[in-house]
Protein backbone atom coordinates (compact mmCIF):
# COMPACT_ATOMS: atom_id res chain seq x y z
CA MET A 1 -169.43 -34.54 40.15
CA THR A 2 -169.53 -31.63 41.89
CA GLU A 3 -172.44 -29.07 42.04
CA THR A 4 -171.69 -25.72 42.00
CA PHE A 5 -174.88 -23.49 41.49
CA THR A 6 -177.45 -22.08 43.66
CA PRO A 7 -180.75 -23.76 43.32
CA PRO A 8 -183.74 -21.95 41.93
CA THR A 9 -186.89 -21.63 44.56
CA ARG A 10 -188.97 -24.33 42.82
CA PHE A 11 -188.69 -26.37 40.10
CA ALA A 12 -191.94 -27.48 37.85
CA VAL A 13 -191.78 -30.79 35.47
CA PRO A 14 -193.81 -30.21 32.15
CA GLY A 15 -196.46 -32.34 31.18
CA ARG A 16 -196.68 -35.99 31.85
CA ILE A 17 -195.35 -38.42 29.44
CA ASP A 18 -196.73 -41.57 27.90
CA VAL A 19 -196.40 -44.03 30.75
CA SER A 20 -196.69 -46.94 28.13
CA ASN A 21 -193.08 -46.37 27.00
CA ARG A 22 -190.78 -47.81 29.18
CA ALA A 23 -187.62 -47.54 27.04
CA ALA A 24 -184.73 -46.28 29.08
CA ALA A 25 -184.36 -43.27 26.73
CA VAL A 26 -187.65 -41.75 27.64
CA TRP A 27 -188.24 -39.26 30.29
CA GLN A 28 -190.50 -40.30 32.84
CA THR A 29 -192.54 -38.29 35.69
CA ALA A 30 -191.51 -39.50 39.35
CA THR A 31 -193.59 -38.25 42.26
CA ILE A 32 -191.98 -37.79 45.44
CA THR A 33 -194.10 -39.68 48.46
CA GLU A 34 -191.77 -39.90 51.13
CA ILE A 35 -188.59 -38.61 52.57
CA ARG A 36 -186.61 -40.20 55.13
CA ARG A 37 -183.59 -38.99 57.14
CA GLU A 38 -180.62 -41.24 56.70
CA SER A 39 -177.84 -38.85 58.59
CA PRO A 40 -177.10 -35.45 59.34
CA HIS A 41 -176.38 -34.97 55.41
CA ALA A 42 -178.32 -37.62 53.66
CA ALA A 43 -181.83 -38.23 53.14
CA THR A 44 -183.82 -40.87 50.93
CA PHE A 45 -186.19 -39.95 48.55
CA ARG A 46 -189.09 -42.50 47.74
CA LEU A 47 -190.47 -41.70 43.82
CA ALA A 48 -193.74 -43.20 42.48
CA VAL A 49 -192.67 -44.01 38.78
CA PRO A 50 -195.83 -46.10 37.57
CA ALA A 51 -194.14 -46.87 34.24
CA TRP A 52 -190.95 -47.93 35.55
CA ALA A 53 -189.24 -50.74 33.78
CA GLY A 54 -187.22 -52.12 36.48
CA HIS A 55 -183.55 -51.86 37.12
CA LEU A 56 -180.48 -54.23 38.44
CA PRO A 57 -179.09 -53.55 41.73
CA GLY A 58 -176.00 -51.07 41.20
CA GLN A 59 -177.59 -49.19 38.08
CA HIS A 60 -178.39 -45.59 38.08
CA LEU A 61 -180.65 -43.01 36.86
CA MET A 62 -180.51 -39.53 35.30
CA LEU A 63 -182.34 -36.94 36.97
CA ARG A 64 -183.99 -33.84 35.52
CA LEU A 65 -185.51 -30.53 37.49
CA THR A 66 -186.71 -28.09 35.09
CA ALA A 67 -187.12 -24.35 36.52
CA GLU A 68 -190.35 -22.11 35.97
CA ASP A 69 -187.97 -19.81 33.77
CA GLY A 70 -187.23 -22.86 31.73
CA TYR A 71 -183.35 -23.57 33.11
CA VAL A 72 -182.62 -27.23 33.38
CA ALA A 73 -180.49 -29.27 35.73
CA GLN A 74 -179.56 -32.87 34.95
CA ARG A 75 -177.87 -35.28 37.72
CA HIS A 76 -177.04 -38.92 37.59
CA TYR A 77 -178.04 -40.39 40.51
CA SER A 78 -177.49 -44.41 41.58
CA ILE A 79 -180.69 -46.28 42.95
CA ALA A 80 -181.21 -47.18 46.19
CA SER A 81 -183.83 -49.83 46.48
CA ALA A 82 -184.30 -53.31 45.34
CA PRO A 83 -185.61 -54.19 41.69
CA ASP A 84 -188.86 -55.65 43.15
CA ASP A 85 -190.43 -52.40 44.67
CA ALA A 86 -192.79 -52.29 41.67
CA GLY A 87 -193.49 -48.73 40.82
CA HIS A 88 -191.47 -47.03 42.91
CA ILE A 89 -187.48 -46.08 43.24
CA GLU A 90 -185.66 -44.72 45.81
CA LEU A 91 -182.45 -42.36 45.77
CA THR A 92 -180.36 -41.29 48.96
CA LEU A 93 -178.73 -37.87 48.19
CA ASP A 94 -176.00 -36.47 50.05
CA HIS A 95 -176.46 -32.81 50.97
CA VAL A 96 -173.65 -31.03 48.82
CA GLU A 97 -172.62 -27.57 49.96
CA GLY A 98 -173.64 -25.13 47.06
CA GLY A 99 -175.39 -28.20 45.32
CA GLU A 100 -178.15 -26.75 42.93
CA VAL A 101 -179.92 -30.53 42.74
CA SER A 102 -179.19 -31.59 45.94
CA GLY A 103 -180.08 -28.48 47.41
CA TRP A 104 -183.32 -28.35 46.08
CA PHE A 105 -184.37 -32.00 47.43
CA HIS A 106 -182.65 -31.49 50.82
CA THR A 107 -184.31 -27.92 51.28
CA VAL A 108 -187.24 -27.47 49.04
CA ALA A 109 -188.71 -30.93 48.11
CA GLU A 110 -191.53 -32.35 49.55
CA PRO A 111 -194.09 -35.12 49.19
CA GLY A 112 -195.97 -34.31 46.17
CA ASP A 113 -193.62 -32.45 44.02
CA THR A 114 -192.50 -33.90 40.48
CA VAL A 115 -189.30 -34.44 38.67
CA GLU A 116 -188.32 -36.37 35.62
CA VAL A 117 -186.19 -39.44 35.45
CA ARG A 118 -184.65 -41.45 33.01
CA GLY A 119 -183.17 -44.92 32.89
CA PRO A 120 -182.06 -47.29 34.34
CA LEU A 121 -178.61 -46.59 32.87
CA SER A 122 -175.37 -48.69 32.59
CA GLY A 123 -174.89 -52.21 33.25
CA PHE A 124 -170.97 -52.40 34.34
CA PHE A 125 -171.93 -51.96 38.08
CA ALA A 126 -174.88 -54.10 37.94
CA TRP A 127 -175.34 -57.18 40.31
CA PRO A 128 -177.92 -59.59 39.07
CA GLY A 129 -177.33 -61.83 42.14
CA ASP A 130 -175.72 -64.71 40.39
CA ARG A 131 -172.19 -64.67 41.86
CA PRO A 132 -170.61 -64.01 45.13
CA ALA A 133 -170.48 -60.09 45.71
CA LEU A 134 -167.96 -58.50 48.10
CA LEU A 135 -169.16 -54.74 48.60
CA ILE A 136 -166.66 -51.95 49.51
CA GLY A 137 -168.22 -48.28 49.89
CA ALA A 138 -167.56 -45.14 51.62
CA GLY A 139 -169.92 -42.31 52.82
CA SER A 140 -172.63 -41.95 49.88
CA GLY A 141 -170.70 -44.72 47.92
CA VAL A 142 -173.07 -46.89 49.56
CA VAL A 143 -175.87 -46.21 48.05
CA PRO A 144 -175.68 -48.42 45.12
CA LEU A 145 -174.30 -51.10 47.08
CA MET A 146 -177.57 -51.05 49.35
CA SER A 147 -179.49 -51.58 46.19
CA MET A 148 -177.53 -55.02 45.86
CA LEU A 149 -177.88 -56.00 49.72
CA ARG A 150 -181.76 -55.33 49.44
CA HIS A 151 -182.08 -57.23 46.51
CA HIS A 152 -180.22 -60.33 48.28
CA ARG A 153 -182.34 -59.94 50.94
CA ALA A 154 -185.54 -59.73 49.36
CA ARG A 155 -185.12 -62.61 47.07
CA GLY A 156 -183.68 -64.90 50.22
CA LEU A 157 -180.60 -65.53 48.02
CA ASP A 158 -177.84 -68.10 48.86
CA VAL A 159 -175.07 -66.67 47.17
CA PRO A 160 -172.48 -65.23 49.60
CA LEU A 161 -172.54 -61.51 50.09
CA ARG A 162 -170.17 -59.10 52.33
CA LEU A 163 -170.34 -55.55 52.68
CA LEU A 164 -167.45 -53.28 54.20
CA VAL A 165 -168.53 -49.82 54.40
CA SER A 166 -166.60 -46.80 55.70
CA ALA A 167 -168.09 -43.53 57.58
CA ARG A 168 -166.65 -40.65 59.52
CA SER A 169 -168.88 -41.83 62.66
CA PRO A 170 -171.90 -43.80 63.61
CA GLU A 171 -174.18 -40.83 63.24
CA GLU A 172 -172.77 -40.29 59.51
CA LEU A 173 -173.35 -44.25 58.64
CA ILE A 174 -175.75 -44.13 55.89
CA TYR A 175 -178.56 -46.88 56.35
CA ALA A 176 -177.33 -47.82 59.97
CA ARG A 177 -180.45 -49.31 61.06
CA GLU A 178 -180.27 -51.77 58.08
CA TYR A 179 -177.33 -53.54 58.19
CA GLY A 180 -176.84 -57.23 59.70
CA ALA A 181 -173.96 -60.00 60.03
CA GLU A 182 -172.88 -59.24 56.57
CA THR A 183 -171.48 -55.73 57.53
CA THR A 184 -168.38 -54.40 58.80
CA PRO A 185 -168.50 -50.45 59.30
CA VAL A 186 -165.37 -48.60 59.35
CA PHE A 187 -165.18 -45.45 61.38
CA THR A 188 -162.50 -42.87 60.44
CA ARG A 189 -163.03 -40.02 62.93
CA SER A 190 -164.98 -41.35 65.81
CA ALA A 191 -166.50 -44.53 66.81
CA PRO A 192 -168.19 -46.69 69.53
CA GLU A 193 -166.21 -47.64 72.63
CA ASP A 194 -163.73 -50.53 71.78
CA VAL A 195 -164.28 -49.83 67.88
CA PRO A 196 -160.67 -48.93 66.44
CA VAL A 197 -160.86 -45.48 64.60
CA GLY A 198 -158.96 -44.90 61.21
CA ARG A 199 -158.99 -45.56 57.57
CA MET A 200 -159.79 -48.51 55.73
CA ALA A 201 -156.82 -51.03 55.85
CA ALA A 202 -155.65 -54.57 54.90
CA ALA A 203 -156.89 -55.54 58.48
CA HIS A 204 -160.53 -55.05 57.08
CA VAL A 205 -160.15 -56.45 53.42
CA ALA A 206 -157.68 -59.50 53.97
CA PRO A 207 -160.19 -61.49 55.90
CA LEU A 208 -162.93 -61.21 53.35
CA LEU A 209 -160.56 -62.13 50.58
CA ALA A 210 -159.58 -65.13 53.09
CA GLU A 211 -162.70 -66.45 52.94
CA GLN A 212 -162.88 -67.04 49.26
CA PRO A 213 -166.21 -68.64 48.25
CA PRO A 214 -166.70 -71.01 45.42
CA GLY A 215 -165.88 -69.22 42.44
CA GLY A 216 -164.30 -66.13 44.31
CA TRP A 217 -165.71 -62.88 45.02
CA GLU A 218 -166.88 -60.30 42.13
CA ALA A 219 -165.84 -56.99 43.87
CA TYR A 220 -168.09 -53.90 43.70
CA VAL A 221 -166.16 -50.50 45.28
CA CYS A 222 -167.90 -47.23 45.15
CA GLY A 223 -166.75 -44.02 46.51
CA SER A 224 -164.96 -40.77 46.08
CA ASN A 225 -161.74 -41.06 43.49
CA GLY A 226 -159.52 -41.41 46.55
CA PHE A 227 -161.32 -43.93 48.45
CA ALA A 228 -161.84 -45.85 45.17
CA GLU A 229 -158.16 -46.02 44.33
CA HIS A 230 -157.22 -46.83 47.96
CA ALA A 231 -159.75 -49.77 48.17
CA SER A 232 -159.00 -51.07 44.88
CA ARG A 233 -155.15 -51.24 45.69
CA LEU A 234 -156.33 -52.97 49.43
CA LEU A 235 -158.01 -55.67 47.16
CA VAL A 236 -155.43 -56.20 44.54
CA ALA A 237 -152.65 -56.61 47.67
CA ALA A 238 -155.35 -59.03 49.49
CA GLY A 239 -155.35 -61.40 46.03
CA GLN A 240 -158.37 -60.03 44.46
CA PRO A 241 -158.00 -60.35 40.77
CA VAL A 242 -157.65 -57.00 38.91
CA HIS A 243 -160.51 -58.10 36.05
CA ARG A 244 -162.79 -58.85 39.05
CA ILE A 245 -162.66 -55.35 40.62
CA ARG A 246 -165.58 -52.90 39.47
CA ILE A 247 -165.64 -49.58 40.38
CA GLU A 248 -168.02 -46.69 40.25
CA ARG A 249 -166.70 -43.17 41.65
CA PHE A 250 -167.85 -39.68 42.08
CA GLY A 251 -166.45 -36.70 42.80
């Protein structure tokens, strides 16, 4: 998804909906309660949504902004938070150059502002925590994968989970403070001393496929079109069955 418009100065959401209706098809008012910087170009926006019915890790939502003149902008965004965060959801958004929605979030939005959300949407990329998960993402493609990782930790799940995440540099690695032993970062432009720089390669993927858990991996790939194609080829070349690769793309 490419954003190309200039953001209106301020959006205002019309009257609050009936919070008793928890269907994914219904728009709900969400209030920004916190903004956290994740990288020079990405920030997490915590939203209070009292009637949120919950979601599965990997699902996304539709977000709607309505300007004072009635102009409406809608975007799909992956949910970053774990499902157990009752009444709240978190979105991590890149500041897209020229983006009307991401531009508003990064330059205008502040705690107390409201937007509208509808969801959760799509179950294809969802991971309920019932099978070994091999997660591969690049840039903001790590957002739905972080929901899975947070779910894994919050529930104390025993099922194996590994995350392979690509970023241009350590400074641009989203959620850098949260990663543990389950995560392998790959840096494409600059890296800490003694860490090789380069594109994700077979040398990163093959060792993960070599440690196949019982039942095998379910692979989840998220990133740009080019990255998704590249990572999928690496997985197949390393022996991952095609029917066990789930892909979410943006661009």
